[in-house]
Amino acid sequence: MKNFLSIEDVTDLKGLVNEALAFKHAPFSQPDLGNNKTLGLIFMNPSLRTRLSTQQAAYQLGMQVIVMNMNQDSWQLEFQDGTVMDGGTAEHVKEAAAVISQYCDVIGIRTFAGLQDVTADYQETVLNKFVAHAQVPVISLESATLHPLQSLADMVTIQEHQKSHKPKVVLTWAPHPRALPQAVANSFLQWAKQWDCELVLTHPPGYELAPEFTNGVEVIHQQDLALQDADFVYTKNWSSYQSYGQVLTKDPSWMITSEKMSLTNQGKFMHCLPLRRNVVASDEVVDQSLVVKQAHNRLFAAQAVLAQILNNE
């Protein structure tokens, strides 16, 4: 593995999941793999699980870690080529990525969608510019359209808890007071389509995701019908893709409750966190869910990715 930007960088999904599970059973089994190596973590947006889990994963492999909050600790970056930089941006990504590459052996970068311009977000300008100008491997810590580390941890969690060879997995939209990106939902579909499962997507009309992620996925607009006999209920809000970035409804009837979970096959509730209780899901559902276990698996997902990158070098 050279870079980790999406599932397209994974040659063996089951193998990567099993490697993460192996690290979960023996987290310090390769303490020297990252000796004399430095991981640089660049954050352009807030983070809790991604920040802490990736740092700890690196430490468990013997790496050093440098963390920078780019919008607070650094110059404002320019990402467009040919720009006359006489405005607010003080440094171009060409120099920034090249310089960071001299200090770090692997770069992780996190950025979110602006939710204003669908073309700009889906071109992944920030992430792709770092990849183009970095001289070392790059890991996506979430981008405008994808969150592959979260999705890998989700597959690890499903592998641990599935009761049948081919579980039914439902991705359902949930209400939220703010407009959120499509990254987690996009990424989950991308990974789940390569998992051996029955995958169903449910959301209100108007919340269709980009066709590149939903092609081949069964879509049901009646949430109760979609939840029937589900083994896993993955819940996430996303803003509209077609009416880009807009909140079309905050319909509270889409919140996941104990009554809705009773429609499932004793299904397990999943969410990437953070989660707004009694908006996205009721207290009773969250308290009996896999969300904390999912977050724990973020550590071992990151460790497996780092190990593959370091072994590739």
Protein backbone atom coordinates (compact mmCIF):
# COMPACT_ATOMS: atom_id res chain seq x y z
CA MET A 1 0.00 0.00 0.00
CA LYS A 2 1.49 3.33 -1.11
CA ASN A 3 -1.31 5.72 -0.10
CA PHE A 4 -4.59 5.16 1.77
CA LEU A 5 -7.24 7.41 0.25
CA SER A 6 -10.11 4.99 -0.41
CA ILE A 7 -10.89 1.31 -0.74
CA GLU A 8 -9.26 1.52 -4.18
CA ASP A 9 -5.91 1.43 -2.37
CA VAL A 10 -6.78 -1.88 -0.66
CA THR A 11 -5.82 -5.05 -2.54
CA ASP A 12 -7.22 -7.50 0.04
CA LEU A 13 -10.12 -6.20 2.14
CA LYS A 14 -10.51 -9.33 4.26
CA GLY A 15 -6.76 -9.46 4.78
CA LEU A 16 -6.65 -5.86 5.97
CA VAL A 17 -9.57 -6.47 8.34
CA ASN A 18 -7.85 -9.55 9.73
CA GLU A 19 -4.62 -7.60 10.17
CA ALA A 20 -6.52 -4.99 12.21
CA LEU A 21 -8.03 -7.76 14.35
CA ALA A 22 -4.58 -9.27 14.84
CA PHE A 23 -3.35 -5.93 16.17
CA LYS A 24 -6.38 -5.79 18.45
CA HIS A 25 -5.30 -9.09 20.02
CA ALA A 26 -1.61 -8.09 20.13
CA PRO A 27 -1.28 -4.29 19.76
CA PHE A 28 2.45 -4.23 20.52
CA SER A 29 3.40 -7.19 18.35
CA GLN A 30 5.45 -4.99 15.96
CA PRO A 31 6.93 -2.31 18.24
CA ASP A 32 9.97 -1.71 16.03
CA LEU A 33 8.27 -1.45 12.64
CA GLY A 34 8.12 2.34 12.88
CA ASN A 35 11.50 2.91 14.51
CA ASN A 36 13.07 6.18 13.33
CA LYS A 37 9.90 7.00 11.36
CA THR A 38 7.68 10.04 11.88
CA LEU A 39 3.98 10.40 11.17
CA GLY A 40 2.78 13.95 10.46
CA LEU A 41 -0.92 14.54 11.13
CA ILE A 42 -2.41 17.60 9.46
CA PHE A 43 -5.87 18.66 10.66
CA MET A 44 -7.95 21.29 8.92
CA ASN A 45 -11.07 20.36 10.91
CA PRO A 46 -11.94 19.16 14.41
CA SER A 47 -11.28 15.55 15.37
CA LEU A 48 -11.47 13.31 18.42
CA ARG A 49 -11.37 9.62 17.41
CA THR A 50 -9.28 10.11 14.26
CA ARG A 51 -6.71 12.26 16.02
CA LEU A 52 -6.25 10.09 19.11
CA SER A 53 -6.56 6.68 17.48
CA THR A 54 -4.08 7.46 14.70
CA GLN A 55 -1.54 8.87 17.14
CA GLN A 56 -1.83 5.84 19.41
CA ALA A 57 -1.64 3.47 16.44
CA ALA A 58 1.63 5.09 15.40
CA TYR A 59 3.05 4.87 18.92
CA GLN A 60 2.21 1.16 19.08
CA LEU A 61 4.36 0.67 15.98
CA GLY A 62 7.23 2.70 17.43
CA MET A 63 6.68 5.85 15.35
CA GLN A 64 7.10 9.45 16.40
CA VAL A 65 4.11 11.74 15.76
CA ILE A 66 3.85 15.43 14.88
CA VAL A 67 0.38 17.03 14.94
CA MET A 68 -0.51 20.35 13.35
CA ASN A 69 -3.87 22.13 13.33
CA MET A 70 -3.39 23.82 9.99
CA ASN A 71 -6.01 26.54 10.39
CA GLN A 72 -4.66 27.55 13.80
CA ASP A 73 -0.95 26.77 13.87
CA SER A 74 0.16 27.47 10.30
CA TRP A 75 -0.10 29.87 7.40
CA GLN A 76 -3.30 29.75 5.39
CA LEU A 77 -2.67 27.56 2.36
CA GLU A 78 -3.37 28.20 -1.31
CA PHE A 79 -4.43 25.17 -3.39
CA GLN A 80 -5.06 26.65 -6.84
CA ASP A 81 -2.31 26.78 -9.45
CA GLY A 82 -1.50 30.09 -11.13
CA THR A 83 -3.10 32.15 -8.37
CA VAL A 84 -1.73 35.65 -7.72
CA MET A 85 -1.30 35.27 -3.97
CA ASP A 86 -2.00 38.83 -2.93
CA GLY A 87 -4.93 37.93 -0.69
CA GLY A 88 -5.36 35.90 2.49
CA THR A 89 -3.30 32.84 1.58
CA ALA A 90 0.38 33.06 2.48
CA GLU A 91 1.81 29.68 1.44
CA HIS A 92 1.16 27.36 -1.48
CA VAL A 93 0.48 23.67 -0.98
CA LYS A 94 3.33 22.90 -3.39
CA GLU A 95 5.90 24.14 -0.89
CA ALA A 96 3.98 23.09 2.22
CA ALA A 97 3.56 19.44 1.15
CA ALA A 98 7.15 19.24 -0.04
CA VAL A 99 8.50 20.67 3.21
CA ILE A 100 6.33 18.44 5.43
CA SER A 101 7.61 15.48 3.39
CA GLN A 102 11.14 16.34 4.48
CA TYR A 103 10.15 16.18 8.13
CA CYS A 104 7.78 13.19 8.05
CA ASP A 105 7.83 9.70 6.57
CA VAL A 106 4.04 9.44 6.30
CA ILE A 107 1.47 12.26 6.16
CA GLY A 108 -2.12 12.00 7.35
CA ILE A 109 -4.47 14.80 6.36
CA ARG A 110 -8.04 15.58 7.38
CA THR A 111 -10.34 18.01 5.61
CA PHE A 112 -14.11 18.35 5.21
CA ALA A 113 -16.48 19.29 2.43
CA GLY A 114 -17.33 22.96 2.09
CA LEU A 115 -20.90 21.96 1.09
CA GLN A 116 -21.14 24.99 -1.20
CA ASP A 117 -19.79 23.69 -4.52
CA VAL A 118 -20.40 20.04 -5.35
CA THR A 119 -17.83 20.03 -8.15
CA ALA A 120 -15.09 21.47 -5.96
CA ASP A 121 -15.80 19.06 -3.11
CA TYR A 122 -16.01 15.97 -5.30
CA GLN A 123 -12.76 16.88 -7.05
CA GLU A 124 -11.08 16.45 -3.63
CA THR A 125 -8.79 19.40 -4.31
CA VAL A 126 -7.15 19.60 -0.87
CA LEU A 127 -6.39 15.90 -0.54
CA ASN A 128 -5.30 15.44 -4.14
CA LYS A 129 -3.02 18.47 -4.08
CA PHE A 130 -1.25 17.09 -0.99
CA VAL A 131 -0.87 13.72 -2.69
CA ALA A 132 0.47 15.35 -5.86
CA HIS A 133 3.10 17.41 -4.07
CA ALA A 134 4.03 15.17 -1.15
CA GLN A 135 7.08 12.96 -1.52
CA VAL A 136 5.93 10.39 1.04
CA PRO A 137 2.79 8.23 1.48
CA VAL A 138 -0.45 10.05 2.34
CA ILE A 139 -3.31 8.73 4.49
CA SER A 140 -6.78 10.26 4.34
CA LEU A 141 -8.02 11.02 7.84
CA GLU A 142 -11.32 12.02 6.16
CA SER A 143 -11.79 14.06 3.03
CA ALA A 144 -14.57 16.00 1.39
CA THR A 145 -16.24 12.84 0.09
CA LEU A 146 -14.78 9.79 1.89
CA HIS A 147 -13.69 8.54 5.31
CA PRO A 148 -11.79 5.28 4.65
CA LEU A 149 -10.32 4.82 8.15
CA GLN A 150 -13.84 4.92 9.60
CA SER A 151 -15.09 2.46 7.00
CA LEU A 152 -12.26 0.04 7.71
CA ALA A 153 -13.11 0.15 11.42
CA ASP A 154 -16.76 -0.43 10.49
CA MET A 155 -15.86 -3.58 8.55
CA VAL A 156 -13.72 -4.77 11.49
CA THR A 157 -16.72 -4.25 13.78
CA ILE A 158 -19.09 -6.11 11.47
CA GLN A 159 -16.62 -8.98 11.14
CA GLU A 160 -16.47 -9.28 14.94
CA HIS A 161 -20.21 -9.22 15.51
CA GLN A 162 -21.86 -10.81 12.48
CA LYS A 163 -23.90 -13.91 13.28
CA SER A 164 -24.27 -15.18 9.72
CA HIS A 165 -22.06 -15.52 6.68
CA LYS A 166 -24.03 -12.87 4.79
CA PRO A 167 -25.61 -10.38 7.24
CA LYS A 168 -28.18 -7.81 6.26
CA VAL A 169 -26.63 -4.35 6.66
CA VAL A 170 -28.83 -1.25 6.46
CA LEU A 171 -27.44 2.26 6.05
CA THR A 172 -30.12 4.70 7.17
CA TRP A 173 -30.28 8.49 7.07
CA ALA A 174 -31.17 10.18 10.36
CA PRO A 175 -32.20 13.75 11.21
CA HIS A 176 -29.66 16.33 12.32
CA PRO A 177 -29.88 20.08 13.02
CA ARG A 178 -26.93 20.92 10.75
CA ALA A 179 -25.89 20.19 7.19
CA LEU A 180 -23.30 17.41 7.23
CA PRO A 181 -21.08 15.99 4.46
CA GLN A 182 -21.77 12.75 2.63
CA ALA A 183 -18.28 11.36 3.31
CA VAL A 184 -19.10 8.69 5.92
CA ALA A 185 -22.13 7.43 4.02
CA ASN A 186 -20.29 7.40 0.67
CA SER A 187 -17.36 5.56 2.14
CA PHE A 188 -19.48 3.03 4.03
CA LEU A 189 -21.31 2.10 0.83
CA GLN A 190 -18.03 1.83 -1.05
CA TRP A 191 -16.64 -0.64 1.49
CA ALA A 192 -19.85 -2.53 2.25
CA LYS A 193 -20.37 -3.23 -1.46
CA GLN A 194 -17.16 -5.26 -1.33
CA TRP A 195 -18.20 -7.07 1.86
CA ASP A 196 -20.23 -10.26 1.72
CA CYS A 197 -23.52 -8.81 2.94
CA GLU A 198 -27.03 -7.86 1.89
CA LEU A 199 -26.75 -4.08 1.68
CA VAL A 200 -29.79 -1.78 1.85
CA LEU A 201 -29.85 2.03 1.80
CA THR A 202 -32.79 4.00 3.19
CA HIS A 203 -33.39 7.76 3.28
CA PRO A 204 -36.11 10.33 2.59
CA PRO A 205 -36.60 11.41 -1.04
CA GLY A 206 -34.11 14.13 -1.93
CA TYR A 207 -31.26 12.60 0.05
CA GLU A 208 -29.97 10.37 -2.74
CA LEU A 209 -26.20 9.99 -2.65
CA ALA A 210 -23.89 10.28 -5.67
CA PRO A 211 -24.60 7.51 -8.20
CA GLU A 212 -20.98 6.34 -8.13
CA PHE A 213 -21.59 5.11 -4.57
CA THR A 214 -25.19 3.87 -4.86
CA ASN A 215 -24.94 1.93 -8.13
CA GLY A 216 -26.01 -1.65 -7.43
CA VAL A 217 -27.35 -0.85 -3.94
CA GLU A 218 -30.99 -1.53 -3.05
CA VAL A 219 -32.69 1.73 -2.02
CA ILE A 220 -35.90 1.73 0.05
CA HIS A 221 -37.51 5.00 1.07
CA GLN A 222 -39.67 3.42 3.80
CA GLN A 223 -37.34 3.13 6.79
CA ASP A 224 -39.46 0.56 8.67
CA LEU A 225 -39.50 -1.71 5.63
CA ALA A 226 -35.76 -1.37 5.14
CA LEU A 227 -35.05 -2.27 8.78
CA GLN A 228 -36.92 -5.57 8.62
CA ASP A 229 -34.60 -8.44 9.69
CA ALA A 230 -31.49 -6.24 9.62
CA ASP A 231 -28.41 -7.58 11.42
CA PHE A 232 -26.69 -4.18 11.48
CA VAL A 233 -28.24 -0.71 11.38
CA TYR A 234 -25.63 1.87 10.42
CA THR A 235 -27.11 5.31 11.03
CA LYS A 236 -25.74 8.60 9.71
CA ASN A 237 -27.01 11.99 8.65
CA TRP A 238 -25.92 13.58 5.40
CA SER A 239 -27.07 16.71 3.61
CA SER A 240 -28.55 16.58 0.13
CA TYR A 241 -26.28 15.73 -2.79
CA GLN A 242 -28.72 16.84 -5.49
CA SER A 243 -29.65 20.09 -3.70
CA TYR A 244 -26.07 20.22 -2.60
CA GLY A 245 -25.38 20.85 1.05
CA GLN A 246 -28.99 21.67 1.89
CA VAL A 247 -31.08 20.35 4.77
CA LEU A 248 -34.36 19.37 3.11
CA THR A 249 -36.00 17.98 6.23
CA LYS A 250 -35.32 17.34 9.90
CA ASP A 251 -38.12 14.80 10.12
CA PRO A 252 -37.87 13.36 13.67
CA SER A 253 -39.68 10.20 12.61
CA TRP A 254 -36.40 9.00 11.06
CA MET A 255 -34.69 8.87 14.47
CA ILE A 256 -33.74 5.32 15.43
CA THR A 257 -35.70 4.12 18.47
CA SER A 258 -36.07 0.87 20.37
CA GLU A 259 -39.31 0.27 18.52
CA LYS A 260 -37.51 0.49 15.19
CA MET A 261 -34.69 -1.77 16.36
CA SER A 262 -37.35 -4.34 17.32
CA LEU A 263 -38.05 -4.72 13.60
CA THR A 264 -34.54 -6.05 13.06
CA ASN A 265 -33.01 -9.47 13.57
CA GLN A 266 -31.77 -8.47 17.03
CA GLY A 267 -29.74 -6.01 15.02
CA LYS A 268 -26.75 -4.04 16.23
CA PHE A 269 -26.82 -0.24 16.03
CA MET A 270 -23.70 1.44 14.58
CA HIS A 271 -22.65 5.07 14.20
CA CYS A 272 -19.32 6.76 13.54
CA LEU A 273 -19.69 9.33 16.37
CA PRO A 274 -20.12 12.05 17.47
CA LEU A 275 -23.83 11.35 17.84
CA ARG A 276 -26.61 13.68 18.97
CA ARG A 277 -28.67 11.62 21.40
CA ASN A 278 -32.44 11.73 21.04
CA VAL A 279 -32.03 13.36 17.63
CA VAL A 280 -30.19 10.71 15.61
CA ALA A 281 -31.03 7.85 17.99
CA SER A 282 -32.68 7.47 21.38
CA ASP A 283 -30.72 6.99 24.58
CA GLU A 284 -31.89 3.38 24.85
CA VAL A 285 -30.56 2.55 21.39
CA VAL A 286 -27.21 4.26 21.88
CA ASP A 287 -26.65 2.67 25.30
CA GLN A 288 -27.04 -0.82 23.81
CA SER A 289 -25.10 -0.11 20.63
CA LEU A 290 -21.69 -0.89 19.13
CA VAL A 291 -20.60 2.74 18.86
CA VAL A 292 -17.89 2.62 21.54
CA LYS A 293 -16.60 -0.68 20.19
CA GLN A 294 -16.49 0.87 16.72
CA ALA A 295 -14.44 3.75 18.09
CA HIS A 296 -12.05 1.29 19.73
CA ASN A 297 -11.55 -0.40 16.37
CA ARG A 298 -10.48 2.92 14.86
CA LEU A 299 -7.17 2.38 16.65
CA PHE A 300 -6.48 -0.98 15.09
CA ALA A 301 -7.73 0.05 11.67
CA ALA A 302 -5.19 2.88 11.66
CA GLN A 303 -2.48 0.55 12.93
CA ALA A 304 -3.12 -1.95 10.13
CA VAL A 305 -2.96 0.79 7.49
CA LEU A 306 0.25 2.25 8.91
CA ALA A 307 1.80 -1.21 9.11
CA GLN A 308 1.04 -1.92 5.45
CA ILE A 309 2.49 1.42 4.39
CA LEU A 310 5.64 0.92 6.47
CA ASN A 311 6.08 -2.65 5.21
CA ASN A 312 5.69 -1.40 1.64
CA GLU A 313 8.59 0.98 2.15
